[in-house]
Amino acid sequence: MGVDMRMSDKISSAVSYSWNAAFAWLVGIFSWLGAITPDWWTVIICFLGTIFTGWMNWHWKKKTFERGEADQ
């Protein structure tokens, strides 16, 4: 009934991976500054990616429940 949840998970995963790839590219540009070591950039990017992924999953689940399409 309605949107298949697996498709939403695929979309949110693709968005999350894209988000992390974009930040990795951005870090590559600014890593020459040397103010933050590449190891710490990795930690920061992973932390932001985790927060973003959690928010994205929460958002999709919230929309699903609001439409009454929760898994039964």
C-alpha atoms as a PDB file:
ATOM      1  CA  MET A   1       0.000   0.000   0.000  1.00  0.00           C
ATOM      2  CA  GLY A   2       1.486   3.344  -0.971  1.00  0.00           C
ATOM      3  CA  VAL A   3       5.187   3.958  -1.320  1.00  0.00           C
ATOM      4  CA  ASP A   4       7.431   0.976  -0.784  1.00  0.00           C
ATOM      5  CA  MET A   5       9.598   1.748   2.268  1.00  0.00           C
ATOM      6  CA  ARG A   6      12.589   0.025   0.713  1.00  0.00           C
ATOM      7  CA  MET A   7      12.650   2.633  -2.062  1.00  0.00           C
ATOM      8  CA  SER A   8      12.639   5.444   0.510  1.00  0.00           C
ATOM      9  CA  ASP A   9      15.533   3.782   2.310  1.00  0.00           C
ATOM     10  CA  LYS A  10      17.427   3.562  -0.980  1.00  0.00           C
ATOM     11  CA  ILE A  11      16.828   7.240  -1.646  1.00  0.00           C
ATOM     12  CA  SER A  12      17.864   8.312   1.858  1.00  0.00           C
ATOM     13  CA  SER A  13      20.992   6.150   1.639  1.00  0.00           C
ATOM     14  CA  ALA A  14      21.909   7.668  -1.729  1.00  0.00           C
ATOM     15  CA  VAL A  15      21.419  11.173  -0.338  1.00  0.00           C
ATOM     16  CA  SER A  16      23.518  10.307   2.706  1.00  0.00           C
ATOM     17  CA  TYR A  17      26.367   8.900   0.604  1.00  0.00           C
ATOM     18  CA  SER A  18      26.234  11.947  -1.658  1.00  0.00           C
ATOM     19  CA  TRP A  19      26.348  14.240   1.380  1.00  0.00           C
ATOM     20  CA  ASN A  20      29.437  12.450   2.715  1.00  0.00           C
ATOM     21  CA  ALA A  21      31.129  12.452  -0.690  1.00  0.00           C
ATOM     22  CA  ALA A  22      30.503  16.188  -1.071  1.00  0.00           C
ATOM     23  CA  PHE A  23      32.011  16.886   2.342  1.00  0.00           C
ATOM     24  CA  ALA A  24      34.992  14.658   1.586  1.00  0.00           C
ATOM     25  CA  TRP A  25      35.575  16.641  -1.608  1.00  0.00           C
ATOM     26  CA  LEU A  26      35.273  19.913   0.308  1.00  0.00           C
ATOM     27  CA  VAL A  27      37.757  18.698   2.904  1.00  0.00           C
ATOM     28  CA  GLY A  28      40.159  17.735   0.137  1.00  0.00           C
ATOM     29  CA  ILE A  29      40.091  21.313  -1.089  1.00  0.00           C
ATOM     30  CA  PHE A  30      40.707  22.874   2.321  1.00  0.00           C
ATOM     31  CA  SER A  31      43.006  20.225   3.807  1.00  0.00           C
ATOM     32  CA  TRP A  32      46.063  22.105   2.524  1.00  0.00           C
ATOM     33  CA  LEU A  33      45.454  24.701   5.242  1.00  0.00           C
ATOM     34  CA  GLY A  34      46.883  22.300   7.783  1.00  0.00           C
ATOM     35  CA  ALA A  35      44.842  23.749  10.630  1.00  0.00           C
ATOM     36  CA  ILE A  36      43.022  20.447  11.028  1.00  0.00           C
ATOM     37  CA  THR A  37      44.744  17.155  10.300  1.00  0.00           C
ATOM     38  CA  PRO A  38      43.172  14.756   7.812  1.00  0.00           C
ATOM     39  CA  ASP A  39      42.437  12.360  10.689  1.00  0.00           C
ATOM     40  CA  TRP A  40      40.320  14.972  12.436  1.00  0.00           C
ATOM     41  CA  TRP A  41      38.617  15.929   9.195  1.00  0.00           C
ATOM     42  CA  THR A  42      37.616  12.284   8.893  1.00  0.00           C
ATOM     43  CA  VAL A  43      36.177  12.330  12.408  1.00  0.00           C
ATOM     44  CA  ILE A  44      34.276  15.558  11.734  1.00  0.00           C
ATOM     45  CA  ILE A  45      32.898  14.309   8.407  1.00  0.00           C
ATOM     46  CA  CYS A  46      31.822  10.990   9.879  1.00  0.00           C
ATOM     47  CA  PHE A  47      30.125  12.758  12.783  1.00  0.00           C
ATOM     48  CA  LEU A  48      28.244  15.130  10.466  1.00  0.00           C
ATOM     49  CA  GLY A  49      27.343  12.262   8.141  1.00  0.00           C
ATOM     50  CA  THR A  50      25.978  10.243  11.047  1.00  0.00           C
ATOM     51  CA  ILE A  51      23.893  13.160  12.297  1.00  0.00           C
ATOM     52  CA  PHE A  52      22.588  13.847   8.785  1.00  0.00           C
ATOM     53  CA  THR A  53      21.775  10.170   8.152  1.00  0.00           C
ATOM     54  CA  GLY A  54      19.896   9.918  11.462  1.00  0.00           C
ATOM     55  CA  TRP A  55      17.925  13.046  10.664  1.00  0.00           C
ATOM     56  CA  MET A  56      17.144  11.816   7.145  1.00  0.00           C
ATOM     57  CA  ASN A  57      15.898   8.452   8.407  1.00  0.00           C
ATOM     58  CA  TRP A  58      13.799  10.132  11.118  1.00  0.00           C
ATOM     59  CA  HIS A  59      12.329  12.486   8.516  1.00  0.00           C
ATOM     60  CA  TRP A  60      11.342   9.637   6.169  1.00  0.00           C
ATOM     61  CA  LYS A  61       9.795   7.608   8.998  1.00  0.00           C
ATOM     62  CA  LYS A  62       7.883  10.657  10.265  1.00  0.00           C
ATOM     63  CA  LYS A  63       6.469  11.324   6.780  1.00  0.00           C
ATOM     64  CA  THR A  64       5.497   7.663   6.477  1.00  0.00           C
ATOM     65  CA  PHE A  65       3.622   7.661   9.784  1.00  0.00           C
ATOM     66  CA  GLU A  66       1.925  10.974   8.997  1.00  0.00           C
ATOM     67  CA  ARG A  67       0.553   9.506   5.764  1.00  0.00           C
ATOM     68  CA  GLY A  68      -0.617   6.396   7.586  1.00  0.00           C
ATOM     69  CA  GLU A  69       1.612   4.088   5.581  1.00  0.00           C
ATOM     70  CA  ALA A  70       3.447   2.529   8.523  1.00  0.00           C
ATOM     71  CA  ASP A  71       4.670  -1.048   8.164  1.00  0.00           C
ATOM     72  CA  GLN A  72       2.164  -3.477   9.611  1.00  0.00           C
END
